[in-house]
PDB file of N, CA and C in Angstrom:
ATOM      1  N   MET A   1     177.180  18.873  85.837  1.00  0.00           N
ATOM      2  CA  MET A   1     177.383  19.233  84.459  1.00  0.00           C
ATOM      3  C   MET A   1     177.740  17.988  83.642  1.00  0.00           C
ATOM      4  N   LYS A   2     178.621  17.129  84.192  1.00  0.00           N
ATOM      5  CA  LYS A   2     178.998  15.909  83.453  1.00  0.00           C
ATOM      6  C   LYS A   2     177.782  15.039  83.268  1.00  0.00           C
ATOM      7  N   ARG A   3     176.944  14.951  84.312  1.00  0.00           N
ATOM      8  CA  ARG A   3     175.745  14.101  84.218  1.00  0.00           C
ATOM      9  C   ARG A   3     174.834  14.584  83.093  1.00  0.00           C
ATOM     10  N   LEU A   4     174.686  15.898  82.957  1.00  0.00           N
ATOM     11  CA  LEU A   4     173.854  16.471  81.908  1.00  0.00           C
ATOM     12  C   LEU A   4     174.394  16.139  80.528  1.00  0.00           C
ATOM     13  N   LEU A   5     175.737  16.275  80.390  1.00  0.00           N
ATOM     14  CA  LEU A   5     176.348  15.933  79.103  1.00  0.00           C
ATOM     15  C   LEU A   5     176.171  14.467  78.733  1.00  0.00           C
ATOM     16  N   VAL A   6     176.309  13.595  79.730  1.00  0.00           N
ATOM     17  CA  VAL A   6     176.130  12.163  79.476  1.00  0.00           C
ATOM     18  C   VAL A   6     174.684  11.896  79.092  1.00  0.00           C
ATOM     19  N   LEU A   7     173.737  12.525  79.804  1.00  0.00           N
ATOM     20  CA  LEU A   7     172.327  12.307  79.485  1.00  0.00           C
ATOM     21  C   LEU A   7     171.983  12.802  78.089  1.00  0.00           C
ATOM     22  N   LEU A   8     172.617  13.865  77.638  1.00  0.00           N
ATOM     23  CA  LEU A   8     172.353  14.368  76.292  1.00  0.00           C
ATOM     24  C   LEU A   8     173.092  13.561  75.224  1.00  0.00           C
ATOM     25  N   ALA A   9     174.256  13.003  75.568  1.00  0.00           N
ATOM     26  CA  ALA A   9     175.063  12.260  74.636  1.00  0.00           C
ATOM     27  C   ALA A   9     174.456  10.906  74.306  1.00  0.00           C
ATOM     28  N   ILE A  10     173.800  10.283  75.239  1.00  0.00           N
ATOM     29  CA  ILE A  10     173.257   8.939  74.993  1.00  0.00           C
ATOM     30  C   ILE A  10     172.171   8.952  73.910  1.00  0.00           C
ATOM     31  N   PRO A  11     171.144   9.803  74.010  1.00  0.00           N
ATOM     32  CA  PRO A  11     170.140   9.827  72.903  1.00  0.00           C
ATOM     33  C   PRO A  11     170.762  10.244  71.564  1.00  0.00           C
ATOM     34  N   LEU A  12     171.736  11.151  71.597  1.00  0.00           N
ATOM     35  CA  LEU A  12     172.367  11.595  70.385  1.00  0.00           C
ATOM     36  C   LEU A  12     173.126  10.435  69.728  1.00  0.00           C
ATOM     37  N   ALA A  13     173.734   9.599  70.524  1.00  0.00           N
ATOM     38  CA  ALA A  13     174.446   8.442  69.997  1.00  0.00           C
ATOM     39  C   ALA A  13     173.478   7.497  69.295  1.00  0.00           C
ATOM     40  N   PHE A  14     172.278   7.323  69.853  1.00  0.00           N
ATOM     41  CA  PHE A  14     171.317   6.447  69.175  1.00  0.00           C
ATOM     42  C   PHE A  14     170.823   7.047  67.874  1.00  0.00           C
ATOM     43  N   VAL A  15     170.617   8.356  67.871  1.00  0.00           N
ATOM     44  CA  VAL A  15     170.187   9.017  66.619  1.00  0.00           C
ATOM     45  C   VAL A  15     171.270   8.895  65.557  1.00  0.00           C
ATOM     46  N   CYS A  16     172.548   9.118  65.949  1.00  0.00           N
ATOM     47  CA  CYS A  16     173.651   9.073  64.974  1.00  0.00           C
ATOM     48  C   CYS A  16     173.916   7.625  64.504  1.00  0.00           C
ATOM     49  N   ALA A  17     173.601   6.662  65.351  1.00  0.00           N
ATOM     50  CA  ALA A  17     173.847   5.262  64.984  1.00  0.00           C
ATOM     51  C   ALA A  17     172.809   4.778  63.996  1.00  0.00           C
ATOM     52  N   ASP A  18     171.679   5.438  63.908  1.00  0.00           N
ATOM     53  CA  ASP A  18     170.644   5.005  62.984  1.00  0.00           C
ATOM     54  C   ASP A  18     171.033   5.379  61.577  1.00  0.00           C
ATOM     55  N   THR A  19     171.304   4.376  60.749  1.00  0.00           N
ATOM     56  CA  THR A  19     171.814   4.675  59.398  1.00  0.00           C
ATOM     57  C   THR A  19     170.738   5.128  58.438  1.00  0.00           C
ATOM     58  N   THR A  20     169.451   4.898  58.744  1.00  0.00           N
ATOM     59  CA  THR A  20     168.417   5.341  57.841  1.00  0.00           C
ATOM     60  C   THR A  20     168.217   6.840  57.898  1.00  0.00           C
ATOM     61  N   ARG A  21     168.552   7.509  59.022  1.00  0.00           N
ATOM     62  CA  ARG A  21     168.348   8.920  59.139  1.00  0.00           C
ATOM     63  C   ARG A  21     169.671   9.686  59.018  1.00  0.00           C
ATOM     64  N   GLY A  22     170.750   9.052  59.339  1.00  0.00           N
ATOM     65  CA  GLY A  22     172.041   9.725  59.318  1.00  0.00           C
ATOM     66  C   GLY A  22     172.184  10.686  60.475  1.00  0.00           C
ATOM     67  N   CYS A  23     173.242  11.450  60.493  1.00  0.00           N
ATOM     68  CA  CYS A  23     173.474  12.355  61.618  1.00  0.00           C
ATOM     69  C   CYS A  23     173.629  13.789  61.152  1.00  0.00           C
ATOM     70  N   ASP A  24     173.427  14.042  59.873  1.00  0.00           N
ATOM     71  CA  ASP A  24     173.559  15.418  59.418  1.00  0.00           C
ATOM     72  C   ASP A  24     172.317  16.231  59.726  1.00  0.00           C
ATOM     73  N   ALA A  25     172.438  17.529  59.754  1.00  0.00           N
ATOM     74  CA  ALA A  25     171.384  18.431  60.200  1.00  0.00           C
ATOM     75  C   ALA A  25     170.127  18.330  59.338  1.00  0.00           C
ATOM     76  N   ASP A  26     170.297  18.206  58.009  1.00  0.00           N
ATOM     77  CA  ASP A  26     169.143  18.159  57.117  1.00  0.00           C
ATOM     78  C   ASP A  26     168.269  16.939  57.391  1.00  0.00           C
ATOM     79  N   SER A  27     168.888  15.788  57.574  1.00  0.00           N
ATOM     80  CA  SER A  27     168.096  14.591  57.807  1.00  0.00           C
ATOM     81  C   SER A  27     167.458  14.610  59.178  1.00  0.00           C
ATOM     82  N   GLN A  28     168.114  15.240  60.159  1.00  0.00           N
ATOM     83  CA  GLN A  28     167.494  15.365  61.473  1.00  0.00           C
ATOM     84  C   GLN A  28     166.275  16.270  61.409  1.00  0.00           C
ATOM     85  N   VAL A  29     166.363  17.353  60.690  1.00  0.00           N
ATOM     86  CA  VAL A  29     165.247  18.277  60.523  1.00  0.00           C
ATOM     87  C   VAL A  29     164.103  17.590  59.777  1.00  0.00           C
ATOM     88  N   ALA A  30     164.452  16.821  58.742  1.00  0.00           N
ATOM     89  CA  ALA A  30     163.419  16.098  57.979  1.00  0.00           C
ATOM     90  C   ALA A  30     162.698  15.094  58.861  1.00  0.00           C
ATOM     91  N   TYR A  31     163.482  14.387  59.707  1.00  0.00           N
ATOM     92  CA  TYR A  31     162.879  13.410  60.628  1.00  0.00           C
ATOM     93  C   TYR A  31     161.968  14.094  61.621  1.00  0.00           C
ATOM     94  N   GLN A  32     162.397  15.219  62.182  1.00  0.00           N
ATOM     95  CA  GLN A  32     161.583  15.951  63.133  1.00  0.00           C
ATOM     96  C   GLN A  32     160.301  16.460  62.490  1.00  0.00           C
ATOM     97  N   GLN A  33     160.440  16.927  61.266  1.00  0.00           N
ATOM     98  CA  GLN A  33     159.257  17.448  60.521  1.00  0.00           C
ATOM     99  C   GLN A  33     158.253  16.316  60.309  1.00  0.00           C
ATOM    100  N   GLU A  34     158.765  15.149  59.931  1.00  0.00           N
ATOM    101  CA  GLU A  34     157.881  13.989  59.699  1.00  0.00           C
ATOM    102  C   GLU A  34     157.184  13.606  61.003  1.00  0.00           C
ATOM    103  N   GLN A  35     157.889  13.617  62.130  1.00  0.00           N
ATOM    104  CA  GLN A  35     157.277  13.319  63.409  1.00  0.00           C
ATOM    105  C   GLN A  35     156.181  14.328  63.747  1.00  0.00           C
ATOM    106  N   MET A  36     156.460  15.607  63.495  1.00  0.00           N
ATOM    107  CA  MET A  36     155.473  16.647  63.758  1.00  0.00           C
ATOM    108  C   MET A  36     154.246  16.477  62.897  1.00  0.00           C
ATOM    109  N   MET A  37     154.436  16.115  61.644  1.00  0.00           N
ATOM    110  CA  MET A  37     153.280  15.908  60.758  1.00  0.00           C
ATOM    111  C   MET A  37     152.451  14.720  61.200  1.00  0.00           C
ATOM    112  N   ARG A  38     153.101  13.646  61.659  1.00  0.00           N
ATOM    113  CA  ARG A  38     152.342  12.512  62.186  1.00  0.00           C
ATOM    114  C   ARG A  38     151.522  12.908  63.393  1.00  0.00           C
ATOM    115  N   GLU A  39     152.116  13.684  64.275  1.00  0.00           N
ATOM    116  CA  GLU A  39     151.388  14.139  65.466  1.00  0.00           C
ATOM    117  C   GLU A  39     150.227  15.057  65.086  1.00  0.00           C
ATOM    118  N   ALA A  40     150.456  15.971  64.137  1.00  0.00           N
ATOM    119  CA  ALA A  40     149.393  16.865  63.686  1.00  0.00           C
ATOM    120  C   ALA A  40     148.245  16.060  63.061  1.00  0.00           C
ATOM    121  N   ASN A  41     148.553  15.045  62.254  1.00  0.00           N
ATOM    122  CA  ASN A  41     147.517  14.213  61.668  1.00  0.00           C
ATOM    123  C   ASN A  41     146.794  13.399  62.717  1.00  0.00           C
ATOM    124  N   ALA A  42     147.486  12.984  63.781  1.00  0.00           N
ATOM    125  CA  ALA A  42     146.857  12.228  64.822  1.00  0.00           C
ATOM    126  C   ALA A  42     145.850  13.094  65.623  1.00  0.00           C
ATOM    127  N   GLN A  43     146.248  14.377  65.857  1.00  0.00           N
ATOM    128  CA  GLN A  43     145.375  15.254  66.640  1.00  0.00           C
ATOM    129  C   GLN A  43     144.253  15.874  65.802  1.00  0.00           C
ATOM    130  N   ALA A  44     144.514  16.225  64.572  1.00  0.00           N
ATOM    131  CA  ALA A  44     143.509  16.842  63.717  1.00  0.00           C
ATOM    132  C   ALA A  44     143.509  16.115  62.386  1.00  0.00           C
ATOM    133  N   SER A  45     142.596  15.196  62.225  1.00  0.00           N
ATOM    134  CA  SER A  45     142.570  14.387  61.003  1.00  0.00           C
ATOM    135  C   SER A  45     142.071  15.212  59.819  1.00  0.00           C
ATOM    136  N   LEU A  46     141.921  14.550  58.697  1.00  0.00           N
ATOM    137  CA  LEU A  46     141.470  15.225  57.486  1.00  0.00           C
ATOM    138  C   LEU A  46     140.063  15.744  57.655  1.00  0.00           C
ATOM    139  N   PRO A  47     139.684  16.821  56.957  1.00  0.00           N
ATOM    140  CA  PRO A  47     138.332  17.328  57.065  1.00  0.00           C
ATOM    141  C   PRO A  47     137.327  16.376  56.451  1.00  0.00           C
ATOM    142  N   ALA A  48     136.098  16.407  56.943  1.00  0.00           N
ATOM    143  CA  ALA A  48     135.039  15.521  56.459  1.00  0.00           C
ATOM    144  C   ALA A  48     134.384  16.171  55.244  1.00  0.00           C
ATOM    145  N   ILE A  49     135.036  16.083  54.097  1.00  0.00           N
ATOM    146  CA  ILE A  49     134.524  16.645  52.875  1.00  0.00           C
ATOM    147  C   ILE A  49     133.739  15.571  52.125  1.00  0.00           C
ATOM    148  N   SER A  50     132.525  15.907  51.707  1.00  0.00           N
ATOM    149  CA  SER A  50     131.718  14.878  51.041  1.00  0.00           C
ATOM    150  C   SER A  50     131.336  15.260  49.610  1.00  0.00           C
ATOM    151  N   ASN A  51     131.285  16.540  49.268  1.00  0.00           N
ATOM    152  CA  ASN A  51     130.851  16.924  47.926  1.00  0.00           C
ATOM    153  C   ASN A  51     132.002  17.226  46.994  1.00  0.00           C
ATOM    154  N   PHE A  52     133.202  17.559  47.483  1.00  0.00           N
ATOM    155  CA  PHE A  52     134.372  17.819  46.670  1.00  0.00           C
ATOM    156  C   PHE A  52     134.122  18.858  45.614  1.00  0.00           C
ATOM    157  N   GLN A  53     133.380  19.922  45.970  1.00  0.00           N
ATOM    158  CA  GLN A  53     132.980  20.966  45.024  1.00  0.00           C
ATOM    159  C   GLN A  53     134.200  21.678  44.419  1.00  0.00           C
ATOM    160  N   GLU A  54     135.184  22.031  45.250  1.00  0.00           N
ATOM    161  CA  GLU A  54     136.337  22.748  44.707  1.00  0.00           C
ATOM    162  C   GLU A  54     137.141  21.901  43.729  1.00  0.00           C
ATOM    163  N   LYS A  55     137.259  20.611  44.016  1.00  0.00           N
ATOM    164  CA  LYS A  55     137.986  19.712  43.097  1.00  0.00           C
ATOM    165  C   LYS A  55     137.222  19.601  41.781  1.00  0.00           C
ATOM    166  N   LYS A  56     135.910  19.544  41.844  1.00  0.00           N
ATOM    167  CA  LYS A  56     135.124  19.475  40.586  1.00  0.00           C
ATOM    168  C   LYS A  56     135.302  20.759  39.787  1.00  0.00           C
ATOM    169  N   ILE A  57     135.326  21.885  40.458  1.00  0.00           N
ATOM    170  CA  ILE A  57     135.510  23.179  39.735  1.00  0.00           C
ATOM    171  C   ILE A  57     136.921  23.248  39.139  1.00  0.00           C
ATOM    172  N   ALA A  58     137.925  22.804  39.918  1.00  0.00           N
ATOM    173  CA  ALA A  58     139.292  22.803  39.397  1.00  0.00           C
ATOM    174  C   ALA A  58     139.411  21.911  38.193  1.00  0.00           C
ATOM    175  N   LYS A  59     138.752  20.771  38.192  1.00  0.00           N
ATOM    176  CA  LYS A  59     138.769  19.860  37.025  1.00  0.00           C
ATOM    177  C   LYS A  59     138.110  20.526  35.839  1.00  0.00           C
ATOM    178  N   MET A  60     136.979  21.195  36.081  1.00  0.00           N
ATOM    179  CA  MET A  60     136.269  21.871  34.978  1.00  0.00           C
ATOM    180  C   MET A  60     137.140  22.975  34.386  1.00  0.00           C
ATOM    181  N   VAL A  61     137.807  23.738  35.222  1.00  0.00           N
ATOM    182  CA  VAL A  61     138.675  24.835  34.748  1.00  0.00           C
ATOM    183  C   VAL A  61     139.851  24.265  33.953  1.00  0.00           C
ATOM    184  N   LEU A  62     140.464  23.213  34.439  1.00  0.00           N
ATOM    185  CA  LEU A  62     141.573  22.570  33.702  1.00  0.00           C
ATOM    186  C   LEU A  62     141.112  22.067  32.360  1.00  0.00           C
ATOM    187  N   GLU A  63     139.928  21.463  32.285  1.00  0.00           N
ATOM    188  CA  GLU A  63     139.418  20.965  31.012  1.00  0.00           C
ATOM    189  C   GLU A  63     139.098  22.144  30.066  1.00  0.00           C
ATOM    190  N   MET A  64     138.534  23.204  30.586  1.00  0.00           N
ATOM    191  CA  MET A  64     138.217  24.360  29.738  1.00  0.00           C
ATOM    192  C   MET A  64     139.515  25.011  29.204  1.00  0.00           C
ATOM    193  N   ARG A  65     140.574  25.020  30.008  1.00  0.00           N
ATOM    194  CA  ARG A  65     141.831  25.614  29.587  1.00  0.00           C
ATOM    195  C   ARG A  65     142.484  24.853  28.460  1.00  0.00           C
ATOM    196  N   ASP A  66     142.085  23.593  28.284  1.00  0.00           N
ATOM    197  CA  ASP A  66     142.716  22.752  27.255  1.00  0.00           C
ATOM    198  C   ASP A  66     142.126  22.962  25.880  1.00  0.00           C
ATOM    199  N   GLN A  67     141.110  23.777  25.708  1.00  0.00           N
ATOM    200  CA  GLN A  67     140.528  24.013  24.411  1.00  0.00           C
ATOM    201  C   GLN A  67     141.434  24.889  23.565  1.00  0.00           C
ATOM    202  N   GLU A  68     141.610  24.512  22.301  1.00  0.00           N
ATOM    203  CA  GLU A  68     142.480  25.258  21.410  1.00  0.00           C
ATOM    204  C   GLU A  68     141.895  26.610  21.009  1.00  0.00           C
ATOM    205  N   ASN A  69     140.602  26.699  20.878  1.00  0.00           N
ATOM    206  CA  ASN A  69     139.991  27.947  20.429  1.00  0.00           C
ATOM    207  C   ASN A  69     139.519  28.844  21.554  1.00  0.00           C
ATOM    208  N   LEU A  70     139.983  28.599  22.743  1.00  0.00           N
ATOM    209  CA  LEU A  70     139.574  29.382  23.896  1.00  0.00           C
ATOM    210  C   LEU A  70     140.216  30.754  23.861  1.00  0.00           C
ATOM    211  N   ALA A  71     139.421  31.794  23.938  1.00  0.00           N
ATOM    212  CA  ALA A  71     139.935  33.153  23.967  1.00  0.00           C
ATOM    213  C   ALA A  71     139.418  33.820  25.242  1.00  0.00           C
ATOM    214  N   THR A  72     140.334  34.333  26.026  1.00  0.00           N
ATOM    215  CA  THR A  72     139.956  35.062  27.234  1.00  0.00           C
ATOM    216  C   THR A  72     140.645  36.420  27.241  1.00  0.00           C
ATOM    217  N   TRP A  73     140.126  37.344  27.997  1.00  0.00           N
ATOM    218  CA  TRP A  73     140.710  38.673  28.105  1.00  0.00           C
ATOM    219  C   TRP A  73     140.928  39.006  29.563  1.00  0.00           C
ATOM    220  N   VAL A  74     141.999  39.726  29.820  1.00  0.00           N
ATOM    221  CA  VAL A  74     142.375  40.025  31.200  1.00  0.00           C
ATOM    222  C   VAL A  74     142.079  41.486  31.489  1.00  0.00           C
ATOM    223  N   TYR A  75     141.365  41.698  32.616  1.00  0.00           N
ATOM    224  CA  TYR A  75     141.029  43.017  33.094  1.00  0.00           C
ATOM    225  C   TYR A  75     141.435  43.116  34.563  1.00  0.00           C
ATOM    226  N   LEU A  76     141.874  44.319  34.959  1.00  0.00           N
ATOM    227  CA  LEU A  76     142.073  44.636  36.375  1.00  0.00           C
ATOM    228  C   LEU A  76     141.209  45.861  36.698  1.00  0.00           C
ATOM    229  N   VAL A  77     140.762  45.924  37.906  1.00  0.00           N
ATOM    230  CA  VAL A  77     139.977  47.074  38.339  1.00  0.00           C
ATOM    231  C   VAL A  77     140.909  48.098  38.953  1.00  0.00           C
ATOM    232  N   ASN A  78     140.859  49.314  38.436  1.00  0.00           N
ATOM    233  CA  ASN A  78     141.683  50.408  38.934  1.00  0.00           C
ATOM    234  C   ASN A  78     141.199  50.793  40.340  1.00  0.00           C
ATOM    235  N   GLN A  79     142.111  50.865  41.293  1.00  0.00           N
ATOM    236  CA  GLN A  79     141.750  51.167  42.685  1.00  0.00           C
ATOM    237  C   GLN A  79     141.205  52.594  42.837  1.00  0.00           C
ATOM    238  N   TYR A  80     141.678  53.501  42.029  1.00  0.00           N
ATOM    239  CA  TYR A  80     141.304  54.905  42.208  1.00  0.00           C
ATOM    240  C   TYR A  80     139.991  55.256  41.508  1.00  0.00           C
ATOM    241  N   THR A  81     139.815  54.714  40.308  1.00  0.00           N
ATOM    242  CA  THR A  81     138.596  55.053  39.551  1.00  0.00           C
ATOM    243  C   THR A  81     137.519  54.014  39.671  1.00  0.00           C
ATOM    244  N   GLY A  82     137.865  52.783  40.013  1.00  0.00           N
ATOM    245  CA  GLY A  82     136.892  51.717  40.122  1.00  0.00           C
ATOM    246  C   GLY A  82     136.493  51.144  38.771  1.00  0.00           C
ATOM    247  N   ARG A  83     137.187  51.568  37.723  1.00  0.00           N
ATOM    248  CA  ARG A  83     136.872  51.083  36.365  1.00  0.00           C
ATOM    249  C   ARG A  83     137.799  49.956  35.945  1.00  0.00           C
ATOM    250  N   PRO A  84     137.273  49.027  35.158  1.00  0.00           N
ATOM    251  CA  PRO A  84     138.141  47.944  34.666  1.00  0.00           C
ATOM    252  C   PRO A  84     139.121  48.457  33.617  1.00  0.00           C
ATOM    253  N   VAL A  85     140.346  47.962  33.680  1.00  0.00           N
ATOM    254  CA  VAL A  85     141.389  48.336  32.727  1.00  0.00           C
ATOM    255  C   VAL A  85     141.762  47.077  31.923  1.00  0.00           C
ATOM    256  N   PHE A  86     141.641  47.164  30.610  1.00  0.00           N
ATOM    257  CA  PHE A  86     141.935  46.019  29.741  1.00  0.00           C
ATOM    258  C   PHE A  86     143.465  45.829  29.656  1.00  0.00           C
ATOM    259  N   LEU A  87     143.945  44.630  29.993  1.00  0.00           N
ATOM    260  CA  LEU A  87     145.381  44.324  29.945  1.00  0.00           C
ATOM    261  C   LEU A  87     145.776  43.568  28.663  1.00  0.00           C
ATOM    262  N   GLY A  88     144.838  42.811  28.130  1.00  0.00           N
ATOM    263  CA  GLY A  88     145.158  42.084  26.898  1.00  0.00           C
ATOM    264  C   GLY A  88     144.551  40.677  26.887  1.00  0.00           C
ATOM    265  N   ARG A  89     144.865  39.961  25.828  1.00  0.00           N
ATOM    266  CA  ARG A  89     144.367  38.570  25.706  1.00  0.00           C
ATOM    267  C   ARG A  89     145.185  37.633  26.563  1.00  0.00           C
ATOM    268  N   ALA A  90     144.581  36.529  26.944  1.00  0.00           N
ATOM    269  CA  ALA A  90     145.252  35.542  27.781  1.00  0.00           C
ATOM    270  C   ALA A  90     144.908  34.147  27.277  1.00  0.00           C
ATOM    271  N   LEU A  91     145.669  33.198  27.721  1.00  0.00           N
ATOM    272  CA  LEU A  91     145.390  31.804  27.413  1.00  0.00           C
ATOM    273  C   LEU A  91     144.715  31.167  28.609  1.00  0.00           C
ATOM    274  N   GLY A  92     143.482  30.762  28.464  1.00  0.00           N
ATOM    275  CA  GLY A  92     142.785  30.030  29.495  1.00  0.00           C
ATOM    276  C   GLY A  92     142.361  30.873  30.698  1.00  0.00           C
ATOM    277  N   PHE A  93     142.054  30.152  31.740  1.00  0.00           N
ATOM    278  CA  PHE A  93     141.572  30.741  32.965  1.00  0.00           C
ATOM    279  C   PHE A  93     142.610  30.465  34.075  1.00  0.00           C
ATOM    280  N   GLY A  94     142.650  31.351  35.040  1.00  0.00           N
ATOM    281  CA  GLY A  94     143.550  31.147  36.161  1.00  0.00           C
ATOM    282  C   GLY A  94     142.820  30.387  37.244  1.00  0.00           C
ATOM    283  N   ILE A  95     143.583  29.661  38.037  1.00  0.00           N
ATOM    284  CA  ILE A  95     143.036  29.012  39.215  1.00  0.00           C
ATOM    285  C   ILE A  95     143.400  29.909  40.386  1.00  0.00           C
ATOM    286  N   PRO A  96     142.452  30.250  41.248  1.00  0.00           N
ATOM    287  CA  PRO A  96     142.634  31.358  42.172  1.00  0.00           C
ATOM    288  C   PRO A  96     143.645  31.187  43.284  1.00  0.00           C
ATOM    289  N   TYR A  97     144.154  29.986  43.544  1.00  0.00           N
ATOM    290  CA  TYR A  97     145.145  29.800  44.597  1.00  0.00           C
ATOM    291  C   TYR A  97     146.012  28.634  44.236  1.00  0.00           C
ATOM    292  N   ALA A  98     146.907  28.250  45.083  1.00  0.00           N
ATOM    293  CA  ALA A  98     147.851  27.183  44.782  1.00  0.00           C
ATOM    294  C   ALA A  98     147.143  25.823  44.842  1.00  0.00           C
ATOM    295  N   ALA A  99     146.168  25.655  43.965  1.00  0.00           N
ATOM    296  CA  ALA A  99     145.418  24.427  43.911  1.00  0.00           C
ATOM    297  C   ALA A  99     146.221  23.342  43.223  1.00  0.00           C
ATOM    298  N   GLN A 100     146.043  22.136  43.654  1.00  0.00           N
ATOM    299  CA  GLN A 100     146.755  21.019  43.065  1.00  0.00           C
ATOM    300  C   GLN A 100     145.743  19.931  42.876  1.00  0.00           C
ATOM    301  N   TYR A 101     145.569  19.445  41.645  1.00  0.00           N
ATOM    302  CA  TYR A 101     144.537  18.473  41.365  1.00  0.00           C
ATOM    303  C   TYR A 101     144.889  17.081  41.843  1.00  0.00           C
ATOM    304  N   SER A 102     146.169  16.718  41.768  1.00  0.00           N
ATOM    305  CA  SER A 102     146.583  15.393  42.211  1.00  0.00           C
ATOM    306  C   SER A 102     147.566  15.540  43.351  1.00  0.00           C
ATOM    307  N   SER A 103     147.836  14.459  44.052  1.00  0.00           N
ATOM    308  CA  SER A 103     148.769  14.462  45.185  1.00  0.00           C
ATOM    309  C   SER A 103     150.178  14.636  44.706  1.00  0.00           C
ATOM    310  N   PRO A 104     150.982  15.366  45.477  1.00  0.00           N
ATOM    311  CA  PRO A 104     152.392  15.520  45.153  1.00  0.00           C
ATOM    312  C   PRO A 104     153.122  14.221  45.371  1.00  0.00           C
ATOM    313  N   THR A 105     154.226  14.056  44.676  1.00  0.00           N
ATOM    314  CA  THR A 105     155.030  12.850  44.872  1.00  0.00           C
ATOM    315  C   THR A 105     155.928  13.054  46.104  1.00  0.00           C
ATOM    316  N   LYS A 106     156.163  11.963  46.769  1.00  0.00           N
ATOM    317  CA  LYS A 106     157.019  12.014  47.956  1.00  0.00           C
ATOM    318  C   LYS A 106     158.271  11.210  47.674  1.00  0.00           C
ATOM    319  N   PRO A 107     159.452  11.846  47.717  1.00  0.00           N
ATOM    320  CA  PRO A 107     160.668  11.128  47.384  1.00  0.00           C
ATOM    321  C   PRO A 107     160.995  10.080  48.441  1.00  0.00           C
ATOM    322  N   LYS A 108     161.535   8.978  47.968  1.00  0.00           N
ATOM    323  CA  LYS A 108     161.990   7.923  48.850  1.00  0.00           C
ATOM    324  C   LYS A 108     163.444   8.136  49.136  1.00  0.00           C
ATOM    325  N   TRP A 109     163.841   8.114  50.367  1.00  0.00           N
ATOM    326  CA  TRP A 109     165.254   8.288  50.723  1.00  0.00           C
ATOM    327  C   TRP A 109     165.948   6.963  50.582  1.00  0.00           C
ATOM    328  N   ALA A 110     167.020   6.963  49.852  1.00  0.00           N
ATOM    329  CA  ALA A 110     167.825   5.757  49.666  1.00  0.00           C
ATOM    330  C   ALA A 110     169.296   6.089  49.834  1.00  0.00           C
ATOM    331  N   THR A 111     170.043   5.146  50.329  1.00  0.00           N
ATOM    332  CA  THR A 111     171.490   5.351  50.460  1.00  0.00           C
ATOM    333  C   THR A 111     172.209   4.328  49.625  1.00  0.00           C
ATOM    334  N   SER A 112     173.319   4.699  49.122  1.00  0.00           N
ATOM    335  CA  SER A 112     174.147   3.760  48.369  1.00  0.00           C
ATOM    336  C   SER A 112     175.597   4.013  48.701  1.00  0.00           C
ATOM    337  N   GLY A 113     176.367   2.963  48.900  1.00  0.00           N
ATOM    338  CA  GLY A 113     177.771   3.123  49.151  1.00  0.00           C
ATOM    339  C   GLY A 113     178.072   3.767  50.499  1.00  0.00           C
ATOM    340  N   GLY A 114     177.134   3.649  51.471  1.00  0.00           N
ATOM    341  CA  GLY A 114     177.384   4.190  52.773  1.00  0.00           C
ATOM    342  C   GLY A 114     177.289   5.690  52.884  1.00  0.00           C
ATOM    343  N   THR A 115     176.679   6.369  51.855  1.00  0.00           N
ATOM    344  CA  THR A 115     176.532   7.825  51.959  1.00  0.00           C
ATOM    345  C   THR A 115     175.104   8.162  52.302  1.00  0.00           C
TER     346      THR A 115
END
């Protein structure tokens, strides 16, 4: 039992001694997540996309939404009758999923004053 505790304590001491990651639970989880993402990218790289059709369509939709005189109307199809139901006027067009035109920003971790 003592041998197991010593074997577990030695790697933990190295992790806690590393000041760039700290020893709190959030930074350990962030570090493990980063390691997992690196491994995932190493095993399955980015898809071989050559036409970028969805990005072109997202750009077109974003540009069309920027027009001042754009008028659109919102309809939903009733499940029971199969008929469209008018909900009202809307501004622009919706993008069908959580599309993002540009890359998200990645915060840089910095420490000051030993915190």
